[in-house]
Amino acid sequence: MQPTTPYADVNAILSDLLARVQAILGENFVGMYLYGSLATGTFDPDSSDIDFLVATQTEVQGERFRQLQAMHTALGQTDSKWAIQMEGAYISLPELRRYSERQHPYLDRGASNLVMETFHTDWVVQRYILREYGITLVGPPIRDLIDPISGDDLRQAMVAMMAVWWELMLDDPAPLNTDGYRAYAIMTMCRVLYTMETGDVLPKGAAVKWAIPRLDAKHAKLAHLAATHRNGTPEITLSDVQSMIQLAVDACRAWNF
């Protein structure tokens, strides 16, 4: 694999990962792709992770799944700073083509254990980012593997995502206990507001820039703080984030009425 990002250490671990994945999957391997901040040009070496997708002919299970689990455990113990800063999934071509709520092998940031995870409607958004911005490391163009996603598909995905995850934090704010997650939440709400108004998706940083002139002074300040302190700042309080979540909930309810 030729270098595909401006970061030598990122390219190194991607090359390592690709070689290990191809060795395990063999003929079931179709391609490997980048999405998220690396694909949208908003990558920050101090706060971003590496988002990857492996496309397969058929769903990975059984012995191949166990081999991938062992591989990711081993890779997570290497001395690369990115060893546990990767987030990725293994999805078959039929399931990649259009969204369905089912389980796929998934690696979360901050961990090195591959698990079977149910993909909820936020995957509609991730598929859109993959299709429109994704970087092909190996394999056919990612755009050819995913059906077009309409603006209303994106809006409906945001409505569902708010209902099953973010809106619950208005009553149980436990997930918002860390400064970094509060900043992430503020930026995500800016993306939700953008999508509900436009039927499109922007990288979170660009969504913040779009939102700031459209928000009242209090929420514009919060958006600015989150964008300039992506790893978190005590200046963003729990009640601040809940207020921003409520704005996004209201926008989703207005569209879904």
Protein backbone atom coordinates (compact mmCIF):
# COMPACT_ATOMS: atom_id res chain seq x y z
CA MET A 1 0.00 0.00 0.00
CA GLN A 2 1.33 3.41 -0.95
CA PRO A 3 1.16 6.22 1.66
CA THR A 4 -2.32 7.73 1.54
CA THR A 5 -2.21 10.32 4.33
CA PRO A 6 0.23 13.09 5.22
CA TYR A 7 1.19 11.24 8.42
CA ALA A 8 3.99 8.65 8.24
CA ASP A 9 3.02 6.94 11.50
CA VAL A 10 -0.61 6.64 10.38
CA ASN A 11 0.50 5.17 7.04
CA ALA A 12 2.73 2.70 8.87
CA ILE A 13 -0.01 1.24 11.05
CA LEU A 14 -2.47 1.19 8.15
CA SER A 15 0.02 -0.80 6.07
CA ASP A 16 0.52 -3.19 8.98
CA LEU A 17 -3.24 -3.56 9.53
CA LEU A 18 -3.93 -4.12 5.82
CA ALA A 19 -1.31 -6.86 5.51
CA ARG A 20 -2.67 -8.68 8.57
CA VAL A 21 -6.28 -8.38 7.42
CA GLN A 22 -5.55 -9.65 3.90
CA ALA A 23 -3.60 -12.60 5.30
CA ILE A 24 -6.54 -13.64 7.47
CA LEU A 25 -9.43 -12.98 5.11
CA GLY A 26 -7.89 -14.27 1.89
CA GLU A 27 -10.45 -14.40 -0.93
CA ASN A 28 -13.16 -12.96 1.34
CA PHE A 29 -11.30 -9.63 1.34
CA VAL A 30 -12.73 -6.99 -1.04
CA GLY A 31 -11.22 -3.69 0.03
CA MET A 32 -10.11 -1.40 2.83
CA TYR A 33 -11.23 2.22 3.15
CA LEU A 34 -10.79 5.27 5.35
CA TYR A 35 -13.58 7.56 6.47
CA GLY A 36 -14.04 10.07 9.30
CA SER A 37 -11.60 12.93 9.78
CA LEU A 38 -8.84 11.43 7.61
CA ALA A 39 -11.23 11.31 4.67
CA THR A 40 -12.80 14.72 5.22
CA GLY A 41 -9.48 16.54 5.70
CA THR A 42 -10.15 17.48 9.33
CA PHE A 43 -7.73 15.06 11.00
CA ASP A 44 -6.00 16.36 14.15
CA PRO A 45 -3.07 14.18 15.32
CA ASP A 46 -3.71 15.27 18.91
CA SER A 47 -7.40 14.36 19.11
CA SER A 48 -8.55 12.33 16.10
CA ASP A 49 -8.69 8.58 15.59
CA ILE A 50 -8.30 6.39 12.50
CA ASP A 51 -11.66 5.31 11.07
CA PHE A 52 -11.44 2.33 8.71
CA LEU A 53 -13.78 -0.08 6.98
CA VAL A 54 -12.99 -3.50 5.56
CA ALA A 55 -15.43 -4.71 2.89
CA THR A 56 -15.82 -8.47 2.55
CA GLN A 57 -17.63 -10.81 0.16
CA THR A 58 -19.56 -12.46 2.98
CA GLU A 59 -20.05 -11.62 6.65
CA VAL A 60 -17.05 -12.47 8.83
CA GLN A 61 -17.82 -15.12 11.44
CA GLY A 62 -16.52 -18.27 13.08
CA GLU A 63 -12.81 -18.98 12.88
CA ARG A 64 -12.03 -15.96 10.68
CA PHE A 65 -13.67 -13.70 13.27
CA ARG A 66 -11.59 -15.28 16.05
CA GLN A 67 -8.42 -14.82 14.01
CA LEU A 68 -9.25 -11.15 13.50
CA GLN A 69 -9.88 -10.78 17.23
CA ALA A 70 -6.44 -12.21 18.01
CA MET A 71 -4.85 -9.99 15.36
CA HIS A 72 -6.38 -6.80 16.76
CA THR A 73 -5.35 -7.75 20.28
CA ALA A 74 -1.77 -8.19 19.07
CA LEU A 75 -1.83 -4.98 17.03
CA GLY A 76 -3.13 -3.08 20.05
CA GLN A 77 -0.01 -4.08 21.96
CA THR A 78 2.43 -2.60 19.45
CA ASP A 79 4.30 0.60 20.26
CA SER A 80 2.49 2.78 17.70
CA LYS A 81 0.63 5.73 19.26
CA TRP A 82 -2.29 4.69 17.04
CA ALA A 83 -2.41 1.09 18.31
CA ILE A 84 -5.61 1.71 20.28
CA GLN A 85 -6.71 4.82 18.42
CA MET A 86 -8.46 3.02 15.60
CA GLU A 87 -12.18 2.53 15.04
CA GLY A 88 -13.32 0.16 12.34
CA ALA A 89 -15.74 -2.43 11.04
CA TYR A 90 -15.92 -5.45 8.79
CA ILE A 91 -19.03 -5.46 6.57
CA SER A 92 -20.04 -7.63 3.63
CA LEU A 93 -20.92 -6.15 0.24
CA PRO A 94 -24.69 -6.82 0.54
CA GLU A 95 -24.84 -5.16 3.96
CA LEU A 96 -22.66 -2.26 2.86
CA ARG A 97 -24.93 -1.56 -0.10
CA ARG A 98 -27.81 -0.36 2.08
CA TYR A 99 -28.36 0.02 5.80
CA SER A 100 -29.94 -2.66 7.96
CA GLU A 101 -29.81 -2.91 11.74
CA ARG A 102 -27.68 -5.97 12.35
CA GLN A 103 -24.42 -7.00 13.98
CA HIS A 104 -20.99 -6.70 12.39
CA PRO A 105 -17.43 -7.12 13.69
CA TYR A 106 -16.49 -3.77 15.24
CA LEU A 107 -13.40 -2.25 16.84
CA ASP A 108 -13.94 0.74 19.13
CA ARG A 109 -11.48 3.52 19.78
CA GLY A 110 -9.51 3.06 22.98
CA ALA A 111 -9.69 -0.73 22.81
CA SER A 112 -8.08 -3.58 20.91
CA ASN A 113 -10.86 -6.14 21.23
CA LEU A 114 -12.95 -6.84 18.15
CA VAL A 115 -16.58 -7.53 19.09
CA MET A 116 -19.90 -8.16 17.37
CA GLU A 117 -21.78 -4.87 17.58
CA THR A 118 -25.28 -3.91 16.45
CA PHE A 119 -25.08 -1.03 13.97
CA HIS A 120 -27.79 1.52 14.66
CA THR A 121 -28.95 4.40 12.45
CA ASP A 122 -25.81 6.47 13.01
CA TRP A 123 -24.37 4.04 10.45
CA VAL A 124 -26.55 5.71 7.82
CA VAL A 125 -24.50 8.85 8.42
CA GLN A 126 -21.20 6.96 8.40
CA ARG A 127 -22.14 5.24 5.13
CA TYR A 128 -22.87 8.66 3.63
CA ILE A 129 -19.44 9.94 4.71
CA LEU A 130 -17.83 6.79 3.32
CA ARG A 131 -19.62 7.16 0.00
CA GLU A 132 -18.99 10.87 -0.45
CA TYR A 133 -15.56 11.29 1.15
CA GLY A 134 -14.07 7.83 1.68
CA ILE A 135 -10.47 7.04 0.72
CA THR A 136 -9.79 3.75 -1.03
CA LEU A 137 -6.64 2.04 0.25
CA VAL A 138 -7.21 -1.19 -1.68
CA GLY A 139 -10.21 -2.38 -3.66
CA PRO A 140 -12.95 -1.00 -5.91
CA PRO A 141 -14.06 2.63 -5.43
CA ILE A 142 -16.15 2.84 -2.28
CA ARG A 143 -18.75 5.00 -4.04
CA ASP A 144 -19.60 2.00 -6.24
CA LEU A 145 -20.36 -0.16 -3.19
CA ILE A 146 -22.95 2.03 -1.44
CA ASP A 147 -26.33 3.11 -2.78
CA PRO A 148 -27.11 6.86 -2.79
CA ILE A 149 -28.43 8.18 0.54
CA SER A 150 -31.13 10.85 0.38
CA GLY A 151 -31.46 13.94 2.54
CA ASP A 152 -34.55 12.51 4.23
CA ASP A 153 -32.68 9.25 4.89
CA LEU A 154 -30.07 11.32 6.74
CA ARG A 155 -32.69 13.32 8.62
CA GLN A 156 -34.52 10.19 9.71
CA ALA A 157 -31.26 8.65 10.86
CA MET A 158 -30.55 11.73 12.98
CA VAL A 159 -34.06 11.62 14.49
CA ALA A 160 -33.58 7.97 15.47
CA MET A 161 -30.05 8.54 16.78
CA MET A 162 -31.23 11.41 19.00
CA ALA A 163 -34.10 9.32 20.36
CA VAL A 164 -32.08 6.20 21.24
CA TRP A 165 -28.93 7.89 22.55
CA TRP A 166 -28.60 11.63 22.98
CA GLU A 167 -32.10 12.49 24.23
CA LEU A 168 -31.69 9.97 27.05
CA MET A 169 -28.86 12.12 28.42
CA LEU A 170 -31.35 14.81 29.32
CA ASP A 171 -32.47 12.50 32.15
CA ASP A 172 -29.32 10.43 32.63
CA PRO A 173 -26.24 12.53 31.86
CA ALA A 174 -23.69 9.92 32.99
CA PRO A 175 -22.05 9.60 29.51
CA LEU A 176 -21.32 13.34 29.63
CA ASN A 177 -19.06 13.14 32.68
CA THR A 178 -15.79 13.80 30.83
CA ASP A 179 -14.68 17.13 29.39
CA GLY A 180 -13.72 15.55 26.08
CA TYR A 181 -17.06 13.88 25.55
CA ARG A 182 -18.91 17.11 26.35
CA ALA A 183 -16.95 18.90 23.63
CA TYR A 184 -17.66 16.03 21.23
CA ALA A 185 -21.37 16.21 22.10
CA ILE A 186 -21.56 19.95 21.38
CA MET A 187 -19.96 19.49 17.97
CA THR A 188 -22.18 16.51 17.17
CA MET A 189 -25.28 18.58 17.96
CA CYS A 190 -24.07 21.20 15.49
CA ARG A 191 -23.87 18.45 12.87
CA VAL A 192 -27.40 17.30 13.74
CA LEU A 193 -28.73 20.85 13.37
CA TYR A 194 -27.00 21.18 9.99
CA THR A 195 -28.40 17.90 8.70
CA MET A 196 -31.93 18.63 9.87
CA GLU A 197 -31.92 21.95 8.01
CA THR A 198 -30.06 20.96 4.84
CA GLY A 199 -30.43 17.19 4.41
CA ASP A 200 -26.66 16.94 4.09
CA VAL A 201 -23.74 16.03 6.36
CA LEU A 202 -20.63 18.05 7.13
CA PRO A 203 -17.52 17.19 9.14
CA LYS A 204 -18.16 18.26 12.72
CA GLY A 205 -15.73 21.19 12.56
CA ALA A 206 -17.39 22.56 9.42
CA ALA A 207 -20.82 22.03 11.00
CA VAL A 208 -19.72 24.16 13.96
CA LYS A 209 -18.68 26.98 11.63
CA TRP A 210 -22.07 26.75 9.92
CA ALA A 211 -23.93 26.73 13.24
CA ILE A 212 -22.19 29.57 15.10
CA PRO A 213 -23.79 32.49 13.18
CA ARG A 214 -27.19 30.76 13.42
CA LEU A 215 -27.14 30.09 17.16
CA ASP A 216 -27.94 32.46 20.00
CA ALA A 217 -24.98 33.97 21.85
CA LYS A 218 -24.89 31.32 24.59
CA HIS A 219 -24.90 28.31 22.27
CA ALA A 220 -22.58 29.96 19.74
CA LYS A 221 -20.03 30.41 22.54
CA LEU A 222 -20.37 26.74 23.48
CA ALA A 223 -19.86 25.65 19.87
CA HIS A 224 -16.74 27.81 19.62
CA LEU A 225 -15.34 26.42 22.89
CA ALA A 226 -15.92 22.84 21.73
CA ALA A 227 -14.25 23.43 18.37
CA THR A 228 -11.20 25.08 19.93
CA HIS A 229 -10.90 22.57 22.82
CA ARG A 230 -11.72 19.24 21.18
CA ASN A 231 -10.14 17.33 24.05
CA GLY A 232 -12.44 19.17 26.43
CA THR A 233 -12.54 22.18 28.71
CA PRO A 234 -14.16 22.68 32.15
CA GLU A 235 -15.79 25.79 30.69
CA ILE A 236 -18.37 23.50 29.07
CA THR A 237 -20.65 22.32 31.87
CA LEU A 238 -23.09 19.45 32.00
CA SER A 239 -26.07 21.80 31.82
CA ASP A 240 -24.47 23.52 28.81
CA VAL A 241 -24.36 20.26 26.89
CA GLN A 242 -27.89 19.30 27.89
CA SER A 243 -29.10 22.67 26.62
CA MET A 244 -27.40 22.02 23.27
CA ILE A 245 -28.87 18.52 23.09
CA GLN A 246 -32.32 19.99 23.70
CA LEU A 247 -31.86 22.30 20.71
CA ALA A 248 -31.12 19.33 18.47
CA VAL A 249 -34.01 17.32 19.94
CA ASP A 250 -36.38 20.20 19.19
CA ALA A 251 -35.09 20.43 15.61
CA CYS A 252 -35.66 16.69 15.11
CA ARG A 253 -39.16 16.86 16.57
CA ALA A 254 -40.05 19.80 14.35
CA TRP A 255 -39.02 17.90 11.21
CA ASN A 256 -40.63 14.63 12.35
CA PHE A 257 -43.95 16.27 13.30
